[in-house]
Protein backbone atom coordinates (compact mmCIF):
# COMPACT_ATOMS: atom_id res chain seq x y z
CA MET A 1 -16.60 34.49 1.59
CA ASP A 2 -18.67 33.27 -1.39
CA ASN A 3 -19.10 29.61 -2.31
CA LEU A 4 -16.37 29.67 -4.94
CA GLU A 5 -13.85 31.18 -2.54
CA SER A 6 -14.81 28.55 0.01
CA GLU A 7 -14.25 25.78 -2.55
CA GLU A 8 -10.88 27.23 -3.51
CA LYS A 9 -9.79 27.42 0.12
CA LEU A 10 -10.78 23.81 0.76
CA ILE A 11 -8.97 22.54 -2.34
CA SER A 12 -5.87 24.58 -1.52
CA THR A 13 -5.77 23.20 2.02
CA LYS A 14 -6.22 19.62 0.86
CA ALA A 15 -3.64 19.96 -1.93
CA ARG A 16 -1.09 21.23 0.58
CA GLU A 17 -1.86 18.29 2.87
CA ALA A 18 -1.51 15.93 -0.09
CA ARG A 19 1.89 17.40 -0.95
CA ARG A 20 3.12 16.83 2.59
CA LEU A 21 1.97 13.22 2.51
CA MET A 22 3.63 12.69 -0.86
CA ILE A 23 6.96 14.03 0.39
CA GLU A 24 6.73 11.73 3.42
CA ILE A 25 6.05 8.56 1.46
CA ALA A 26 8.52 9.41 -1.29
CA ASN A 27 11.17 9.75 1.40
CA LYS A 28 10.23 6.56 3.21
CA SER A 29 10.04 4.47 0.03
CA LYS A 30 13.11 6.04 -1.61
CA SER A 31 11.10 6.07 -4.82
CA ALA A 32 11.13 8.24 -7.93
CA HIS A 33 8.45 10.39 -9.61
CA ILE A 34 7.86 13.00 -6.90
CA GLY A 35 8.20 15.79 -9.50
CA SER A 36 5.56 14.20 -11.74
CA SER A 37 3.22 13.71 -8.79
CA LEU A 38 3.58 17.30 -7.56
CA SER A 39 2.80 18.48 -11.08
CA CYS A 40 -0.68 16.94 -11.26
CA VAL A 41 -1.79 16.89 -7.62
CA ASP A 42 -3.78 20.16 -7.86
CA MET A 43 -5.88 18.73 -10.68
CA ILE A 44 -6.51 15.51 -8.79
CA THR A 45 -7.37 17.34 -5.56
CA THR A 46 -9.81 19.57 -7.44
CA LEU A 47 -11.49 16.48 -8.83
CA TYR A 48 -11.73 14.68 -5.50
CA PHE A 49 -12.80 17.63 -3.38
CA TYR A 50 -14.99 19.45 -5.88
CA LYS A 51 -16.12 17.51 -8.93
CA LEU A 52 -16.26 13.74 -8.59
CA ARG A 53 -19.43 12.06 -7.36
CA ILE A 54 -18.02 9.25 -5.22
CA ASP A 55 -20.52 8.59 -2.47
CA PRO A 56 -19.67 5.25 -0.79
CA LYS A 57 -23.40 4.79 -0.12
CA ASP A 58 -24.15 5.02 -3.86
CA TRP A 59 -20.99 3.43 -5.20
CA LYS A 60 -22.53 1.86 -8.30
CA ASN A 61 -23.45 5.31 -9.65
CA ARG A 62 -20.09 6.93 -8.91
CA ASP A 63 -18.05 8.93 -11.39
CA ILE A 64 -14.80 7.34 -12.53
CA PHE A 65 -11.30 8.78 -12.31
CA ILE A 66 -8.35 7.17 -14.08
CA LEU A 67 -4.82 8.45 -13.63
CA SER A 68 -3.40 7.44 -16.99
CA LYS A 69 0.08 8.75 -16.14
CA GLY A 70 0.33 6.00 -13.57
CA HIS A 71 3.85 6.82 -12.38
CA SER A 72 2.26 9.77 -10.52
CA ALA A 73 0.45 7.32 -8.25
CA MET A 74 1.52 9.15 -5.09
CA ALA A 75 -0.74 12.08 -5.98
CA LEU A 76 -3.74 9.77 -6.21
CA TYR A 77 -2.85 7.77 -3.11
CA ALA A 78 -2.54 10.97 -1.05
CA ASN A 79 -5.95 12.22 -2.18
CA LEU A 80 -7.61 8.87 -1.57
CA THR A 81 -6.16 8.97 1.94
CA LEU A 82 -7.58 12.44 2.52
CA ARG A 83 -10.95 11.24 1.24
CA GLY A 84 -10.87 8.24 3.58
CA PHE A 85 -10.50 5.46 1.01
CA ILE A 86 -6.92 4.60 2.02
CA SER A 87 -5.82 4.47 5.65
CA LYS A 88 -2.72 6.37 6.72
CA PRO A 89 -0.98 3.16 7.85
CA ASP A 90 -1.57 1.69 4.39
CA LEU A 91 -0.37 4.91 2.72
CA PHE A 92 2.87 4.81 4.67
CA GLN A 93 3.44 1.25 3.48
CA TYR A 94 3.64 2.59 -0.09
CA LEU A 95 6.28 0.59 -1.98
CA GLN A 96 7.26 -1.35 1.14
CA ASN A 97 7.55 -5.11 1.53
CA ASN A 98 4.08 -6.52 2.26
CA GLY A 99 2.54 -3.10 1.57
CA LYS A 100 -0.64 -2.70 -0.47
CA LEU A 101 0.30 0.23 -2.70
CA PRO A 102 2.70 -0.27 -5.64
CA ALA A 103 4.57 2.41 -7.56
CA HIS A 104 2.14 2.10 -10.49
CA LEU A 105 -1.57 1.71 -9.90
CA ASP A 106 -3.14 -1.71 -9.43
CA ARG A 107 -6.93 -1.75 -9.32
CA PHE A 108 -6.99 -4.76 -7.01
CA THR A 109 -5.34 -2.84 -4.17
CA ASN A 110 -8.26 -0.54 -3.34
CA LYS A 111 -11.85 -0.18 -4.53
CA ALA A 112 -11.30 3.49 -5.37
CA ILE A 113 -8.50 2.71 -7.82
CA GLU A 114 -10.40 2.14 -11.03
CA ALA A 115 -7.69 0.84 -13.38
CA SER A 116 -4.29 -0.79 -13.39
CA VAL A 117 -1.96 1.48 -15.33
CA GLY A 118 1.71 1.90 -16.07
CA SER A 119 1.99 1.47 -19.82
CA LEU A 120 1.39 5.01 -20.97
CA GLY A 121 -1.65 5.75 -23.09
CA HIS A 122 -3.74 2.87 -21.81
CA GLY A 123 -5.62 4.61 -18.99
CA PHE A 124 -6.91 7.24 -21.40
CA ASN A 125 -8.50 4.61 -23.61
CA MET A 126 -9.89 2.60 -20.73
CA GLY A 127 -11.64 5.76 -19.58
CA LEU A 128 -12.94 6.37 -23.09
CA GLY A 129 -14.43 2.87 -23.18
CA MET A 130 -16.07 3.25 -19.79
CA ALA A 131 -17.62 6.57 -20.79
CA TYR A 132 -19.01 4.99 -23.95
CA VAL A 133 -20.60 2.14 -22.00
CA PHE A 134 -22.24 4.57 -19.58
CA LYS A 135 -23.71 6.49 -22.53
CA GLN A 136 -24.96 3.30 -24.16
CA LYS A 137 -26.66 2.25 -20.92
CA GLY A 138 -28.15 5.71 -20.34
CA GLU A 139 -26.31 6.05 -17.03
CA ASN A 140 -25.66 9.55 -15.74
CA ARG A 141 -22.00 8.91 -14.95
CA ASN A 142 -18.91 10.82 -15.97
CA VAL A 143 -15.34 9.67 -16.53
CA TYR A 144 -12.27 11.81 -15.90
CA SER A 145 -8.67 11.03 -16.79
CA VAL A 146 -5.35 12.80 -16.24
CA ILE A 147 -2.76 12.24 -18.96
CA GLY A 148 0.79 13.52 -19.29
CA ASP A 149 2.25 15.60 -22.08
CA GLY A 150 5.02 13.04 -22.55
CA GLU A 151 2.37 10.34 -22.57
CA SER A 152 0.64 12.20 -25.38
CA GLN A 153 3.38 11.05 -27.73
CA GLU A 154 1.86 7.56 -27.59
CA GLY A 155 -0.04 6.61 -30.72
CA SER A 156 -2.81 5.05 -28.64
CA ILE A 157 -3.67 8.50 -27.29
CA TRP A 158 -4.30 9.81 -30.78
CA GLU A 159 -6.25 6.73 -31.84
CA GLY A 160 -8.59 7.34 -28.92
CA ALA A 161 -8.67 11.07 -29.60
CA LEU A 162 -9.92 10.35 -33.13
CA PHE A 163 -12.50 7.83 -31.98
CA ALA A 164 -14.07 9.61 -28.97
CA PRO A 165 -15.84 12.45 -30.86
CA LYS A 166 -17.32 9.94 -33.29
CA LEU A 167 -18.89 8.15 -30.32
CA GLY A 168 -20.37 11.38 -28.96
CA ILE A 169 -19.09 10.71 -25.44
CA ASP A 170 -19.61 14.11 -23.85
CA ASN A 171 -19.32 12.43 -20.44
CA PHE A 172 -15.55 12.01 -20.87
CA THR A 173 -13.20 14.74 -19.61
CA VAL A 174 -9.43 14.57 -19.97
CA LEU A 175 -6.98 16.80 -18.12
CA LEU A 176 -3.60 17.18 -19.80
CA ASP A 177 -0.75 17.73 -17.33
CA TYR A 178 1.27 20.05 -19.55
CA ASN A 179 4.48 20.64 -17.59
CA ASN A 180 6.71 20.28 -20.67
CA LEU A 181 9.08 17.87 -18.93
CA GLN A 182 9.38 14.12 -19.16
CA GLY A 183 11.96 11.52 -18.21
CA TYR A 184 14.59 12.46 -20.79
CA GLY A 185 13.77 15.96 -21.97
CA ARG A 186 10.98 18.32 -22.97
CA PRO A 187 8.13 17.11 -25.18
CA THR A 188 8.36 20.29 -27.24
CA GLU A 189 12.00 19.42 -28.05
CA ILE A 190 11.44 15.71 -28.68
CA CYS A 191 8.40 15.88 -30.98
CA HIS A 192 6.57 18.47 -33.05
CA TYR A 193 4.27 18.94 -30.10
CA GLU A 194 2.59 22.27 -30.62
CA PRO A 195 -0.01 23.54 -31.38
CA VAL A 196 -1.64 21.33 -28.74
CA ARG A 197 -4.97 23.14 -28.59
CA ALA A 198 -5.43 23.25 -32.35
CA LYS A 199 -4.69 19.53 -32.65
CA TRP A 200 -7.35 18.51 -30.15
CA GLU A 201 -9.84 20.95 -31.65
CA ALA A 202 -9.16 19.52 -35.11
CA PHE A 203 -9.91 16.06 -33.74
CA GLY A 204 -13.34 17.29 -32.61
CA TRP A 205 -12.82 17.89 -28.88
CA GLN A 206 -14.13 20.70 -26.72
CA VAL A 207 -10.93 22.35 -25.50
CA TYR A 208 -10.21 24.62 -22.54
CA GLU A 209 -6.85 25.97 -21.41
CA VAL A 210 -6.14 26.79 -17.77
CA GLY A 211 -3.40 27.31 -15.25
CA GLY A 212 -3.00 23.83 -13.79
CA HIS A 213 -2.35 25.15 -10.29
CA ASP A 214 -5.14 27.75 -10.35
CA TYR A 215 -8.11 26.18 -8.56
CA ARG A 216 -10.63 28.73 -9.79
CA GLN A 217 -9.64 28.13 -13.40
CA LEU A 218 -9.73 24.36 -12.90
CA ILE A 219 -13.21 24.57 -11.37
CA GLY A 220 -14.39 26.78 -14.22
CA ALA A 221 -13.12 24.41 -16.90
CA LEU A 222 -14.53 21.32 -15.17
CA ASP A 223 -17.93 23.02 -14.98
CA ALA A 224 -17.78 24.46 -18.51
CA PRO A 225 -20.03 22.89 -21.17
CA SER A 226 -18.78 20.07 -23.35
CA ASN A 227 -21.19 21.01 -26.15
CA GLY A 228 -21.84 17.40 -27.03
CA LYS A 229 -18.15 16.55 -27.38
CA PRO A 230 -15.51 14.86 -25.26
CA LYS A 231 -13.67 17.57 -23.34
CA ILE A 232 -9.98 18.16 -22.75
CA ILE A 233 -8.57 20.66 -20.29
CA ILE A 234 -5.03 21.67 -21.19
CA ALA A 235 -3.55 22.50 -17.80
CA LYS A 236 -0.27 24.42 -17.85
CA THR A 237 1.65 23.05 -14.89
CA ILE A 238 5.10 23.03 -13.32
CA LYS A 239 6.91 19.79 -12.58
CA GLY A 240 7.67 19.69 -8.86
CA LYS A 241 5.18 22.46 -8.10
CA GLY A 242 5.11 23.54 -4.45
CA VAL A 243 8.72 22.76 -3.59
CA SER A 244 10.98 25.46 -4.98
CA PHE A 245 14.13 23.39 -5.55
CA MET A 246 12.13 20.74 -7.42
CA GLU A 247 10.19 23.07 -9.71
CA ASN A 248 10.82 22.74 -13.46
CA GLU A 249 13.77 20.41 -12.86
CA MET A 250 13.86 17.28 -15.00
CA LYS A 251 16.02 15.43 -12.45
CA TRP A 252 13.03 15.21 -10.08
CA HIS A 253 11.46 12.74 -12.44
CA TYR A 254 13.91 10.28 -10.89
CA PHE A 255 15.70 11.87 -7.91
CA ILE A 256 15.14 10.40 -4.46
CA VAL A 257 13.75 12.48 -1.57
CA THR A 258 16.53 12.05 0.98
CA ASP A 259 16.08 13.02 4.63
CA GLU A 260 17.67 16.40 3.92
CA PHE A 261 15.42 17.07 0.91
CA LYS A 262 12.41 15.94 2.94
CA LYS A 263 13.21 18.42 5.71
CA GLN A 264 13.64 21.29 3.23
CA ALA A 265 10.45 20.43 1.36
CA LEU A 266 8.29 20.10 4.47
CA GLU A 267 9.60 23.39 5.83
CA GLU A 268 8.57 25.11 2.59
CA LEU A 269 5.13 23.52 2.61
CA ALA A 270 4.60 24.45 6.27
CA ALA A 271 5.44 28.07 5.49
CA GLU A 272 2.74 28.47 2.82
């Protein structure tokens, strides 16, 4: 097994573990957004188990990750648990009375949560600003952000997209969770959404397109050159990925993981 295969195997194993944890806490909390979280978890796991420099012994020089689509917090919480930043008891108090982890991210709940988000479009621009500061200070630090395709309808996204290339922040990488489903429909039906790649290229970004659940492609795009530009990885994903009855179903933006759904989902994930 070569190094790349080894990396893929590790990420796959961790992503499956993260999915199980997410199903468990979604069930316990009776909360929404499991479909959105399953959509982006492979990207987040690839970042946390392959790309991000987050050594607790050298915390001040760490890379930054901001989950701009903050309603997918479960995907981040699960990965931070697997990385040892959140304890399992704290994870299982997600959205519980006196628990530490809210439905949308709050940076004061854990040192590894870099930004409070919830209003869509804000995390993207916070990441942009951090990347610019690191460049100005000459610090060798990178910023990564996951945004949603529905979130990309926010005007603040496009303001930042226009500004970032002008600043020359080639230490800023955005991953677009392109599952073509949002709370009340499909982005491609709600707005004149396509051509996504051409739009970002026209704004001056280095663009890569990948399968958002293909770890090798994700690794390749994360390692690919930015050529002096901010970089965006358009990741084609499936809402609810990993649980067959949730996949590509808009209702799982809001549906609750009942005990029966939990049992079915965990059985599927155990069989992989």
